[in-house]
C-alpha atoms as a PDB file:
ATOM      1  CA  MET A   1     107.618 144.481 126.710  1.00  0.00           C
ATOM      2  CA  LYS A   2     105.140 141.980 126.846  1.00  0.00           C
ATOM      3  CA  SER A   3     105.133 138.991 124.290  1.00  0.00           C
ATOM      4  CA  VAL A   4     102.324 137.403 122.604  1.00  0.00           C
ATOM      5  CA  LYS A   5     100.545 134.644 124.331  1.00  0.00           C
ATOM      6  CA  VAL A   6      99.652 131.784 122.586  1.00  0.00           C
ATOM      7  CA  VAL A   7      97.859 128.958 123.560  1.00  0.00           C
ATOM      8  CA  VAL A   8      97.813 125.266 121.916  1.00  0.00           C
ATOM      9  CA  VAL A   9      94.586 123.192 123.250  1.00  0.00           C
ATOM     10  CA  GLY A  10      95.848 119.233 122.562  1.00  0.00           C
ATOM     11  CA  ALA A  11      98.648 117.099 123.611  1.00  0.00           C
ATOM     12  CA  GLY A  12      98.329 114.381 120.789  1.00  0.00           C
ATOM     13  CA  VAL A  13     100.559 114.579 117.362  1.00  0.00           C
ATOM     14  CA  VAL A  14      98.857 117.439 116.046  1.00  0.00           C
ATOM     15  CA  GLY A  15      98.843 119.670 119.146  1.00  0.00           C
ATOM     16  CA  PHE A  16     102.241 118.857 119.944  1.00  0.00           C
ATOM     17  CA  SER A  17     103.522 118.888 116.389  1.00  0.00           C
ATOM     18  CA  THR A  18     101.633 122.664 116.118  1.00  0.00           C
ATOM     19  CA  ALA A  19     102.980 123.736 119.230  1.00  0.00           C
ATOM     20  CA  VAL A  20     106.365 122.425 118.700  1.00  0.00           C
ATOM     21  CA  CYS A  21     106.448 124.668 114.969  1.00  0.00           C
ATOM     22  CA  ILE A  22     104.817 127.816 116.447  1.00  0.00           C
ATOM     23  CA  VAL A  23     107.455 127.873 119.374  1.00  0.00           C
ATOM     24  CA  GLU A  24     110.410 127.521 117.344  1.00  0.00           C
ATOM     25  CA  ALA A  25     108.993 129.871 114.302  1.00  0.00           C
ATOM     26  CA  PHE A  26     107.816 132.630 116.437  1.00  0.00           C
ATOM     27  CA  PRO A  27     110.766 132.664 119.469  1.00  0.00           C
ATOM     28  CA  SER A  28     109.361 136.263 120.631  1.00  0.00           C
ATOM     29  CA  CYS A  29     105.598 134.880 121.504  1.00  0.00           C
ATOM     30  CA  SER A  30     105.344 133.151 125.033  1.00  0.00           C
ATOM     31  CA  VAL A  31     103.448 129.744 123.878  1.00  0.00           C
ATOM     32  CA  THR A  32     101.501 127.147 126.317  1.00  0.00           C
ATOM     33  CA  LEU A  33      99.827 124.170 125.217  1.00  0.00           C
ATOM     34  CA  LEU A  34      96.985 123.148 127.810  1.00  0.00           C
ATOM     35  CA  ALA A  35      95.448 119.283 127.691  1.00  0.00           C
ATOM     36  CA  GLU A  36      93.351 117.077 129.890  1.00  0.00           C
ATOM     37  CA  LYS A  37      95.621 114.012 128.661  1.00  0.00           C
ATOM     38  CA  PHE A  38      98.887 113.518 127.760  1.00  0.00           C
ATOM     39  CA  SER A  39     101.192 110.576 126.540  1.00  0.00           C
ATOM     40  CA  PRO A  40     100.338 107.592 126.878  1.00  0.00           C
ATOM     41  CA  ASP A  41      96.978 108.637 127.144  1.00  0.00           C
ATOM     42  CA  THR A  42      96.124 110.002 123.781  1.00  0.00           C
ATOM     43  CA  THR A  43      94.206 108.745 121.061  1.00  0.00           C
ATOM     44  CA  SER A  44      97.958 109.385 119.250  1.00  0.00           C
ATOM     45  CA  ASP A  45      99.175 106.282 121.510  1.00  0.00           C
ATOM     46  CA  VAL A  46      97.136 103.959 119.756  1.00  0.00           C
ATOM     47  CA  ALA A  47      98.116 104.876 116.506  1.00  0.00           C
ATOM     48  CA  ALA A  48      99.630 102.618 114.567  1.00  0.00           C
ATOM     49  CA  GLY A  49     101.538 105.541 113.050  1.00  0.00           C
ATOM     50  CA  ILE A  50     102.276 104.648 109.500  1.00  0.00           C
ATOM     51  CA  LEU A  51     102.713 107.047 107.043  1.00  0.00           C
ATOM     52  CA  ILE A  52     100.073 106.114 103.917  1.00  0.00           C
ATOM     53  CA  PRO A  53      97.911 109.065 103.133  1.00  0.00           C
ATOM     54  CA  ALA A  54      93.920 108.800 101.871  1.00  0.00           C
ATOM     55  CA  GLU A  55      92.953 111.663 100.098  1.00  0.00           C
ATOM     56  CA  SER A  56      90.181 114.512 101.478  1.00  0.00           C
ATOM     57  CA  PRO A  57      87.457 115.066  98.973  1.00  0.00           C
ATOM     58  CA  ASP A  58      87.531 119.122  99.122  1.00  0.00           C
ATOM     59  CA  ILE A  59      90.799 119.937  99.713  1.00  0.00           C
ATOM     60  CA  PRO A  60      93.343 121.172  96.646  1.00  0.00           C
ATOM     61  CA  LEU A  61      95.366 118.376  96.067  1.00  0.00           C
ATOM     62  CA  VAL A  62      98.231 120.495  96.044  1.00  0.00           C
ATOM     63  CA  ARG A  63      97.835 121.422  99.675  1.00  0.00           C
ATOM     64  CA  GLN A  64      97.617 117.500 100.883  1.00  0.00           C
ATOM     65  CA  ARG A  65     100.670 117.171  98.651  1.00  0.00           C
ATOM     66  CA  ARG A  66     102.149 119.772 100.144  1.00  0.00           C
ATOM     67  CA  TRP A  67     101.289 118.178 104.541  1.00  0.00           C
ATOM     68  CA  PHE A  68     102.036 114.668 103.128  1.00  0.00           C
ATOM     69  CA  LYS A  69     105.918 115.868 102.195  1.00  0.00           C
ATOM     70  CA  ASP A  70     106.452 117.994 104.591  1.00  0.00           C
ATOM     71  CA  SER A  71     105.114 115.698 107.122  1.00  0.00           C
ATOM     72  CA  PHE A  72     107.266 112.736 105.884  1.00  0.00           C
ATOM     73  CA  ASP A  73     110.251 114.841 105.120  1.00  0.00           C
ATOM     74  CA  HIS A  74     110.734 116.126 108.765  1.00  0.00           C
ATOM     75  CA  LEU A  75     110.126 112.104 110.178  1.00  0.00           C
ATOM     76  CA  LEU A  76     112.643 111.050 107.175  1.00  0.00           C
ATOM     77  CA  ALA A  77     115.494 113.270 109.042  1.00  0.00           C
ATOM     78  CA  ILE A  78     114.642 112.515 112.455  1.00  0.00           C
ATOM     79  CA  ALA A  79     114.425 108.221 111.070  1.00  0.00           C
ATOM     80  CA  GLN A  80     118.141 108.772 109.888  1.00  0.00           C
ATOM     81  CA  SER A  81     119.466 110.887 112.770  1.00  0.00           C
ATOM     82  CA  GLN A  82     121.009 109.642 116.048  1.00  0.00           C
ATOM     83  CA  ASP A  83     117.419 110.666 117.830  1.00  0.00           C
ATOM     84  CA  SER A  84     115.254 107.299 115.843  1.00  0.00           C
ATOM     85  CA  PRO A  85     115.529 105.451 118.665  1.00  0.00           C
ATOM     86  CA  GLU A  86     114.561 107.824 121.073  1.00  0.00           C
ATOM     87  CA  ALA A  87     111.917 109.398 119.053  1.00  0.00           C
ATOM     88  CA  GLY A  88     110.589 106.353 117.963  1.00  0.00           C
ATOM     89  CA  VAL A  89     111.159 107.293 114.236  1.00  0.00           C
ATOM     90  CA  MET A  90     112.199 104.251 112.032  1.00  0.00           C
ATOM     91  CA  LEU A  91     111.786 103.410 107.971  1.00  0.00           C
ATOM     92  CA  SER A  92     109.438 100.513 107.145  1.00  0.00           C
ATOM     93  CA  SER A  93     108.963  98.436 103.923  1.00  0.00           C
ATOM     94  CA  GLY A  94     106.667  96.559 103.000  1.00  0.00           C
ATOM     95  CA  CYS A  95     102.979  96.688 100.366  1.00  0.00           C
ATOM     96  CA  GLN A  96      99.677  97.354 100.245  1.00  0.00           C
ATOM     97  CA  ILE A  97      97.410  95.373  98.558  1.00  0.00           C
ATOM     98  CA  PHE A  98      93.924  95.157  97.078  1.00  0.00           C
ATOM     99  CA  ARG A  99      90.870  92.643  96.161  1.00  0.00           C
ATOM    100  CA  LYS A 100      89.900  94.538  93.204  1.00  0.00           C
ATOM    101  CA  THR A 101      92.634  97.147  90.865  1.00  0.00           C
ATOM    102  CA  PRO A 102      91.957 100.801  92.286  1.00  0.00           C
ATOM    103  CA  ASP A 103      91.310 103.399  90.153  1.00  0.00           C
ATOM    104  CA  ASN A 104      94.559 105.639  90.816  1.00  0.00           C
ATOM    105  CA  LEU A 105      97.087 103.187  90.507  1.00  0.00           C
ATOM    106  CA  LYS A 106     100.131 105.761  91.648  1.00  0.00           C
ATOM    107  CA  PRO A 107      98.273 107.705  94.211  1.00  0.00           C
ATOM    108  CA  PHE A 108      99.087 111.319  95.026  1.00  0.00           C
ATOM    109  CA  TRP A 109     101.575 110.440  97.624  1.00  0.00           C
ATOM    110  CA  SER A 110     103.561 107.728  95.733  1.00  0.00           C
ATOM    111  CA  GLU A 111     106.440 110.355  95.082  1.00  0.00           C
ATOM    112  CA  PHE A 112     107.121 110.910  98.307  1.00  0.00           C
ATOM    113  CA  VAL A 113     107.852 107.591 100.012  1.00  0.00           C
ATOM    114  CA  ILE A 114     110.366 105.610  98.681  1.00  0.00           C
ATOM    115  CA  GLY A 115     110.867 102.892  95.918  1.00  0.00           C
ATOM    116  CA  PHE A 116     107.278 103.038  94.957  1.00  0.00           C
ATOM    117  CA  ARG A 117     106.248 100.565  92.627  1.00  0.00           C
ATOM    118  CA  LEU A 118     103.925  98.134  91.351  1.00  0.00           C
ATOM    119  CA  MET A 119     103.998  94.512  92.854  1.00  0.00           C
ATOM    120  CA  THR A 120     104.427  91.364  90.372  1.00  0.00           C
ATOM    121  CA  ASP A 121     102.499  88.524  90.062  1.00  0.00           C
ATOM    122  CA  ARG A 122     104.744  86.437  92.077  1.00  0.00           C
ATOM    123  CA  GLU A 123     104.759  88.252  94.989  1.00  0.00           C
ATOM    124  CA  LEU A 124     100.969  88.650  95.249  1.00  0.00           C
ATOM    125  CA  LYS A 125     100.866  84.803  94.530  1.00  0.00           C
ATOM    126  CA  ARG A 126     101.208  84.816  98.202  1.00  0.00           C
ATOM    127  CA  PHE A 127      97.674  86.878  98.710  1.00  0.00           C
ATOM    128  CA  PRO A 128      95.566  84.954  97.049  1.00  0.00           C
ATOM    129  CA  ASP A 129      92.428  87.005  97.377  1.00  0.00           C
ATOM    130  CA  HIS A 130      94.270  90.201  95.973  1.00  0.00           C
ATOM    131  CA  THR A 131      94.689  91.206  92.523  1.00  0.00           C
ATOM    132  CA  PHE A 132      96.461  93.916  92.713  1.00  0.00           C
ATOM    133  CA  GLY A 133      99.579  95.486  94.787  1.00  0.00           C
ATOM    134  CA  GLN A 134     101.500  98.646  95.645  1.00  0.00           C
ATOM    135  CA  ALA A 135     105.046  98.418  97.690  1.00  0.00           C
ATOM    136  CA  PHE A 136     107.233 100.892  98.688  1.00  0.00           C
ATOM    137  CA  THR A 137     109.248 102.071 101.774  1.00  0.00           C
ATOM    138  CA  THR A 138     107.511 104.723 104.114  1.00  0.00           C
ATOM    139  CA  ILE A 139     107.879 105.668 107.764  1.00  0.00           C
ATOM    140  CA  LYS A 140     106.637 104.407 110.816  1.00  0.00           C
ATOM    141  CA  CYS A 141     106.213 107.009 114.189  1.00  0.00           C
ATOM    142  CA  GLU A 142     105.581 105.078 117.273  1.00  0.00           C
ATOM    143  CA  CYS A 143     103.516 107.918 119.410  1.00  0.00           C
ATOM    144  CA  LEU A 144     104.293 106.346 123.215  1.00  0.00           C
ATOM    145  CA  ASN A 145     108.072 107.681 122.003  1.00  0.00           C
ATOM    146  CA  TYR A 146     107.490 110.566 119.725  1.00  0.00           C
ATOM    147  CA  LEU A 147     105.213 112.406 122.005  1.00  0.00           C
ATOM    148  CA  PRO A 148     107.488 112.716 124.822  1.00  0.00           C
ATOM    149  CA  TRP A 149     110.496 113.853 122.144  1.00  0.00           C
ATOM    150  CA  LEU A 150     108.077 116.206 121.225  1.00  0.00           C
ATOM    151  CA  GLN A 151     107.260 117.619 124.335  1.00  0.00           C
ATOM    152  CA  LYS A 152     110.902 117.886 125.740  1.00  0.00           C
ATOM    153  CA  ARG A 153     111.727 119.974 122.155  1.00  0.00           C
ATOM    154  CA  PHE A 154     109.041 122.054 122.871  1.00  0.00           C
ATOM    155  CA  GLN A 155     109.715 122.911 126.466  1.00  0.00           C
ATOM    156  CA  LYS A 156     113.678 123.012 125.203  1.00  0.00           C
ATOM    157  CA  ALA A 157     112.219 125.909 122.730  1.00  0.00           C
ATOM    158  CA  GLY A 158     110.361 128.152 126.043  1.00  0.00           C
ATOM    159  CA  GLY A 159     107.473 126.103 125.756  1.00  0.00           C
ATOM    160  CA  GLN A 160     105.025 125.599 128.859  1.00  0.00           C
ATOM    161  CA  VAL A 161     102.691 122.662 129.287  1.00  0.00           C
ATOM    162  CA  ARG A 162     100.219 122.660 131.715  1.00  0.00           C
ATOM    163  CA  GLN A 163      97.382 119.049 132.478  1.00  0.00           C
ATOM    164  CA  ARG A 164      93.928 121.371 132.348  1.00  0.00           C
ATOM    165  CA  LYS A 165      91.056 120.372 130.860  1.00  0.00           C
ATOM    166  CA  VAL A 166      89.519 123.137 128.470  1.00  0.00           C
ATOM    167  CA  ASN A 167      85.523 123.337 128.551  1.00  0.00           C
ATOM    168  CA  SER A 168      85.072 126.370 126.878  1.00  0.00           C
ATOM    169  CA  LEU A 169      87.202 129.141 124.799  1.00  0.00           C
ATOM    170  CA  GLN A 170      85.837 131.881 126.756  1.00  0.00           C
ATOM    171  CA  GLU A 171      88.151 130.228 129.340  1.00  0.00           C
ATOM    172  CA  LEU A 172      91.165 131.078 127.664  1.00  0.00           C
ATOM    173  CA  SER A 173      90.116 134.558 126.008  1.00  0.00           C
ATOM    174  CA  ASP A 174      91.358 136.853 129.424  1.00  0.00           C
ATOM    175  CA  SER A 175      94.318 134.749 129.125  1.00  0.00           C
ATOM    176  CA  TYR A 176      95.924 134.605 125.662  1.00  0.00           C
ATOM    177  CA  ASP A 177      96.049 136.521 122.634  1.00  0.00           C
ATOM    178  CA  ILE A 178      95.964 133.933 119.838  1.00  0.00           C
ATOM    179  CA  ILE A 179      94.061 130.250 120.545  1.00  0.00           C
ATOM    180  CA  VAL A 180      95.412 127.291 118.379  1.00  0.00           C
ATOM    181  CA  ASN A 181      92.436 124.506 118.376  1.00  0.00           C
ATOM    182  CA  CYS A 182      94.179 120.812 118.210  1.00  0.00           C
ATOM    183  CA  SER A 183      91.749 119.451 120.251  1.00  0.00           C
ATOM    184  CA  GLY A 184      90.562 116.724 117.652  1.00  0.00           C
ATOM    185  CA  LEU A 185      87.259 114.763 118.611  1.00  0.00           C
ATOM    186  CA  GLY A 186      86.788 117.283 121.653  1.00  0.00           C
ATOM    187  CA  SER A 187      85.761 119.855 119.225  1.00  0.00           C
ATOM    188  CA  LYS A 188      82.495 118.542 118.878  1.00  0.00           C
ATOM    189  CA  ASP A 189      82.066 120.243 122.232  1.00  0.00           C
ATOM    190  CA  LEU A 190      85.124 122.981 122.217  1.00  0.00           C
ATOM    191  CA  VAL A 191      83.678 124.287 119.417  1.00  0.00           C
ATOM    192  CA  GLY A 192      80.344 123.131 117.988  1.00  0.00           C
ATOM    193  CA  ASP A 193      81.250 121.487 115.249  1.00  0.00           C
ATOM    194  CA  THR A 194      79.139 119.256 114.275  1.00  0.00           C
ATOM    195  CA  GLN A 195      81.215 117.132 111.425  1.00  0.00           C
ATOM    196  CA  VAL A 196      83.363 115.471 113.865  1.00  0.00           C
ATOM    197  CA  TYR A 197      82.701 112.056 114.398  1.00  0.00           C
ATOM    198  CA  PRO A 198      84.244 109.129 116.375  1.00  0.00           C
ATOM    199  CA  VAL A 199      85.731 106.595 114.173  1.00  0.00           C
ATOM    200  CA  ARG A 200      86.273 103.639 116.671  1.00  0.00           C
ATOM    201  CA  GLY A 201      90.091 101.624 116.035  1.00  0.00           C
ATOM    202  CA  GLN A 202      91.042  98.557 118.296  1.00  0.00           C
ATOM    203  CA  VAL A 203      94.558  97.517 117.341  1.00  0.00           C
ATOM    204  CA  LEU A 204      96.672  94.730 119.269  1.00  0.00           C
ATOM    205  CA  LYS A 205     100.537  95.017 119.837  1.00  0.00           C
ATOM    206  CA  MET A 206     101.965  91.008 119.691  1.00  0.00           C
ATOM    207  CA  GLU A 207     105.324  90.008 119.859  1.00  0.00           C
ATOM    208  CA  ALA A 208     106.655  88.675 116.415  1.00  0.00           C
ATOM    209  CA  PRO A 209     110.022  89.480 115.954  1.00  0.00           C
ATOM    210  CA  TRP A 210     110.433  87.417 112.856  1.00  0.00           C
ATOM    211  CA  LEU A 211     108.040  90.060 110.815  1.00  0.00           C
ATOM    212  CA  GLN A 212     110.249  92.305 109.338  1.00  0.00           C
ATOM    213  CA  HIS A 213     107.748  94.039 106.388  1.00  0.00           C
ATOM    214  CA  PHE A 214     104.454  95.605 107.195  1.00  0.00           C
ATOM    215  CA  ILE A 215     101.065  93.825 104.965  1.00  0.00           C
ATOM    216  CA  ARG A 216      98.069  96.720 104.560  1.00  0.00           C
ATOM    217  CA  ASP A 217      94.694  95.780 102.650  1.00  0.00           C
ATOM    218  CA  GLY A 218      93.599  98.549 100.695  1.00  0.00           C
ATOM    219  CA  ASN A 219      90.427  98.968 102.581  1.00  0.00           C
ATOM    220  CA  GLY A 220      92.576  99.441 106.012  1.00  0.00           C
ATOM    221  CA  GLY A 221      89.927  96.555 107.527  1.00  0.00           C
ATOM    222  CA  ALA A 222      93.888  94.588 107.896  1.00  0.00           C
ATOM    223  CA  TYR A 223      97.209  95.838 108.430  1.00  0.00           C
ATOM    224  CA  ILE A 224     100.092  94.408 110.437  1.00  0.00           C
ATOM    225  CA  TYR A 225     102.951  97.168 111.110  1.00  0.00           C
ATOM    226  CA  PRO A 226     106.379  95.392 112.704  1.00  0.00           C
ATOM    227  CA  GLY A 227     107.733  98.539 115.054  1.00  0.00           C
ATOM    228  CA  MET A 228     110.669  98.925 117.057  1.00  0.00           C
ATOM    229  CA  HIS A 229     109.143  96.900 120.379  1.00  0.00           C
ATOM    230  CA  SER A 230     106.275  94.890 118.985  1.00  0.00           C
ATOM    231  CA  VAL A 231     103.818  93.847 115.850  1.00  0.00           C
ATOM    232  CA  THR A 232     100.821  96.543 115.474  1.00  0.00           C
ATOM    233  CA  VAL A 233      97.526  93.998 114.361  1.00  0.00           C
ATOM    234  CA  GLY A 234      94.718  95.788 113.259  1.00  0.00           C
ATOM    235  CA  GLY A 235      92.017  96.859 112.654  1.00  0.00           C
ATOM    236  CA  THR A 236      88.697  98.428 113.091  1.00  0.00           C
ATOM    237  CA  ARG A 237      87.239 101.554 111.300  1.00  0.00           C
ATOM    238  CA  GLN A 238      83.824 102.241 113.070  1.00  0.00           C
ATOM    239  CA  GLN A 239      82.166 105.323 112.270  1.00  0.00           C
ATOM    240  CA  GLY A 240      80.195 106.657 115.170  1.00  0.00           C
ATOM    241  CA  ASP A 241      81.352 104.237 117.675  1.00  0.00           C
ATOM    242  CA  TRP A 242      81.786 106.344 121.147  1.00  0.00           C
ATOM    243  CA  ARG A 243      82.957 102.265 123.053  1.00  0.00           C
ATOM    244  CA  LEU A 244      86.210 102.876 124.346  1.00  0.00           C
ATOM    245  CA  GLN A 245      86.775  99.713 125.892  1.00  0.00           C
ATOM    246  CA  VAL A 246      88.272  96.006 123.822  1.00  0.00           C
ATOM    247  CA  ASP A 247      85.719  94.035 121.819  1.00  0.00           C
ATOM    248  CA  GLU A 248      86.298  90.502 122.107  1.00  0.00           C
ATOM    249  CA  GLU A 249      84.434  89.657 118.592  1.00  0.00           C
ATOM    250  CA  ASP A 250      86.386  92.709 117.158  1.00  0.00           C
ATOM    251  CA  LYS A 251      89.793  90.915 117.964  1.00  0.00           C
ATOM    252  CA  LYS A 252      88.938  87.575 116.920  1.00  0.00           C
ATOM    253  CA  GLY A 253      87.778  89.229 113.385  1.00  0.00           C
ATOM    254  CA  ILE A 254      91.093  91.636 113.528  1.00  0.00           C
ATOM    255  CA  LEU A 255      93.348  88.315 114.220  1.00  0.00           C
ATOM    256  CA  ALA A 256      91.124  85.944 111.954  1.00  0.00           C
ATOM    257  CA  ARG A 257      91.868  88.930 108.810  1.00  0.00           C
ATOM    258  CA  CYS A 258      95.581  89.311 109.640  1.00  0.00           C
ATOM    259  CA  GLY A 259      96.058  85.445 110.250  1.00  0.00           C
ATOM    260  CA  ARG A 260      94.918  85.171 106.039  1.00  0.00           C
ATOM    261  CA  LEU A 261      97.489  87.630 105.496  1.00  0.00           C
ATOM    262  CA  GLU A 262     100.419  86.174 107.383  1.00  0.00           C
ATOM    263  CA  PRO A 263      99.421  82.707 108.980  1.00  0.00           C
ATOM    264  CA  SER A 264     102.663  82.945 111.403  1.00  0.00           C
ATOM    265  CA  LEU A 265     100.429  85.439 113.649  1.00  0.00           C
ATOM    266  CA  SER A 266      98.962  82.540 114.917  1.00  0.00           C
ATOM    267  CA  LYS A 267     102.366  81.824 116.565  1.00  0.00           C
ATOM    268  CA  ALA A 268     102.623  85.351 117.962  1.00  0.00           C
ATOM    269  CA  LYS A 269     101.969  86.494 121.964  1.00  0.00           C
ATOM    270  CA  ILE A 270      99.542  89.373 122.319  1.00  0.00           C
ATOM    271  CA  LEU A 271     101.085  91.760 124.796  1.00  0.00           C
ATOM    272  CA  ARG A 272      98.553  94.633 124.996  1.00  0.00           C
ATOM    273  CA  GLU A 273      95.190  95.599 123.324  1.00  0.00           C
ATOM    274  CA  TYR A 274      94.155  99.008 122.882  1.00  0.00           C
ATOM    275  CA  VAL A 275      91.501 101.460 121.806  1.00  0.00           C
ATOM    276  CA  GLY A 276      91.282 104.833 120.671  1.00  0.00           C
ATOM    277  CA  LEU A 277      88.802 107.118 118.806  1.00  0.00           C
ATOM    278  CA  ARG A 278      89.637 108.895 115.917  1.00  0.00           C
ATOM    279  CA  PRO A 279      88.365 112.464 115.130  1.00  0.00           C
ATOM    280  CA  GLY A 280      86.590 111.919 111.964  1.00  0.00           C
ATOM    281  CA  ARG A 281      85.895 114.543 109.816  1.00  0.00           C
ATOM    282  CA  ARG A 282      84.645 114.951 105.864  1.00  0.00           C
ATOM    283  CA  ASN A 283      88.359 116.758 105.667  1.00  0.00           C
ATOM    284  CA  PRO A 284      90.788 118.002 108.295  1.00  0.00           C
ATOM    285  CA  ARG A 285      90.089 121.593 109.145  1.00  0.00           C
ATOM    286  CA  VAL A 286      93.207 123.746 109.389  1.00  0.00           C
ATOM    287  CA  GLU A 287      91.841 127.191 108.900  1.00  0.00           C
ATOM    288  CA  ARG A 288      91.210 130.479 111.539  1.00  0.00           C
ATOM    289  CA  GLU A 289      88.799 132.290 112.334  1.00  0.00           C
ATOM    290  CA  LEU A 290      87.895 135.352 114.553  1.00  0.00           C
ATOM    291  CA  VAL A 291      85.919 134.671 117.487  1.00  0.00           C
ATOM    292  CA  GLN A 292      83.880 136.820 119.695  1.00  0.00           C
ATOM    293  CA  LEU A 293      84.451 136.187 123.333  1.00  0.00           C
ATOM    294  CA  GLN A 294      84.248 137.701 126.184  1.00  0.00           C
ATOM    295  CA  GLY A 295      82.897 141.595 124.435  1.00  0.00           C
ATOM    296  CA  ARG A 296      86.749 140.942 121.924  1.00  0.00           C
ATOM    297  CA  ARG A 297      87.488 139.385 118.744  1.00  0.00           C
ATOM    298  CA  VAL A 298      89.859 136.712 118.887  1.00  0.00           C
ATOM    299  CA  PRO A 299      91.717 135.015 116.661  1.00  0.00           C
ATOM    300  CA  VAL A 300      91.394 131.264 116.552  1.00  0.00           C
ATOM    301  CA  VAL A 301      93.680 128.964 114.175  1.00  0.00           C
ATOM    302  CA  HIS A 302      91.786 125.021 113.723  1.00  0.00           C
ATOM    303  CA  ASN A 303      94.191 122.038 113.475  1.00  0.00           C
ATOM    304  CA  TYR A 304      91.863 118.803 113.411  1.00  0.00           C
ATOM    305  CA  GLY A 305      90.067 116.310 112.297  1.00  0.00           C
ATOM    306  CA  HIS A 306      92.648 114.245 110.824  1.00  0.00           C
ATOM    307  CA  GLY A 307      90.516 110.840 111.225  1.00  0.00           C
ATOM    308  CA  SER A 308      92.994 107.682 110.533  1.00  0.00           C
ATOM    309  CA  TRP A 309      96.151 110.090 109.438  1.00  0.00           C
ATOM    310  CA  GLY A 310      96.924 112.389 112.063  1.00  0.00           C
ATOM    311  CA  VAL A 311     100.362 110.767 112.548  1.00  0.00           C
ATOM    312  CA  THR A 312     100.903 111.265 108.264  1.00  0.00           C
ATOM    313  CA  LEU A 313      99.722 114.616 108.278  1.00  0.00           C
ATOM    314  CA  ALA A 314     100.462 116.272 111.919  1.00  0.00           C
ATOM    315  CA  TRP A 315     103.614 118.009 110.832  1.00  0.00           C
ATOM    316  CA  GLY A 316     102.571 119.127 107.723  1.00  0.00           C
ATOM    317  CA  THR A 317      99.505 120.850 108.960  1.00  0.00           C
ATOM    318  CA  ALA A 318     101.193 122.284 112.228  1.00  0.00           C
ATOM    319  CA  LEU A 319     103.385 123.833 109.827  1.00  0.00           C
ATOM    320  CA  ASP A 320     100.189 125.294 107.969  1.00  0.00           C
ATOM    321  CA  ALA A 321      98.818 126.008 111.386  1.00  0.00           C
ATOM    322  CA  ALA A 322     101.547 127.827 112.453  1.00  0.00           C
ATOM    323  CA  ARG A 323     101.636 130.116 109.112  1.00  0.00           C
ATOM    324  CA  LEU A 324      98.033 130.948 110.211  1.00  0.00           C
ATOM    325  CA  VAL A 325      99.517 132.269 113.574  1.00  0.00           C
ATOM    326  CA  GLY A 326     101.501 134.495 111.937  1.00  0.00           C
ATOM    327  CA  GLN A 327      99.558 136.265 110.016  1.00  0.00           C
ATOM    328  CA  CYS A 328      97.142 136.606 112.972  1.00  0.00           C
ATOM    329  CA  LEU A 329     100.164 138.323 114.224  1.00  0.00           C
ATOM    330  CA  GLN A 330     100.998 140.857 111.300  1.00  0.00           C
ATOM    331  CA  GLU A 331      97.247 141.830 111.505  1.00  0.00           C
ATOM    332  CA  MET A 332      97.734 142.357 115.445  1.00  0.00           C
ATOM    333  CA  PRO A 333      97.345 146.477 116.918  1.00  0.00           C
ATOM    334  CA  LEU A 334     100.662 147.336 117.558  1.00  0.00           C
ATOM    335  CA  GLN A 335      99.420 147.984 121.343  1.00  0.00           C
ATOM    336  CA  ALA A 336      98.720 144.870 121.184  1.00  0.00           C
ATOM    337  CA  LYS A 337     102.335 143.303 120.887  1.00  0.00           C
ATOM    338  CA  LEU A 338     104.063 146.044 123.517  1.00  0.00           C
END
């Protein structure tokens, strides 16, 4: 009896999360992950990895809430387990501050993080340019640890990993029954999605062990996230910018903005600088379609376009994508499964 062959394209946090969810939900399937680049060379490896979502304009809120809750619960269980140090997943407490009071004082995700509350005037005195703030405990997931940990979990469940650049879905249609596209920014070329665009992010990793709490400006232009091995300081969010080299002016701007929030950063040592291109899109695309490839209709499940919120939503959208794969399996003619 021949098992159904599923291929997942992409080895970032969305790709590996999706591959794990599929191989664990459908152990009778043969699941292969293909990618040109793996950790530490993916966009996910540059991510600060803090779980704070933004609202997608066209996706029902009930679905967005489920994506975030599923992701948070999954990572919380890891953070509270013995796998925490190896997986790079930890609890992180801090604040998000705003120059002007936002329209929504309690965002949709506030009930899923831990201990969400509004900041007091006394706490806000520290940030004279800001008039409103939220304090809470969330999760920080460091992909330099987490991606190898997920890969190990995927392979332990029987998944196969191969390094290969995929230029078109046609290349895969002869070898696989279901294609799962988690190619992020690569979907612009791979499936011709003109809605996908790069959002350039530059960050610094700094040595500042005295910093224990994160600080995030509500507009995302300045953030300080202490982690297990260093403090991630950023950032930029430059739409349509394809540059991968470090920009000195951006670096100065990041240090100036973050230095106003945390003056002690002037004493911190810069360990490394990173640039990554996030897969920007008006909404993440998590859906399935039948695509005509080499004369036959092949089910394709898409899971990409998470922008700055890949780590935040990866597990939730991966569970959704695995459910869509399950629907594809149910609709397959019997001879395809034999």
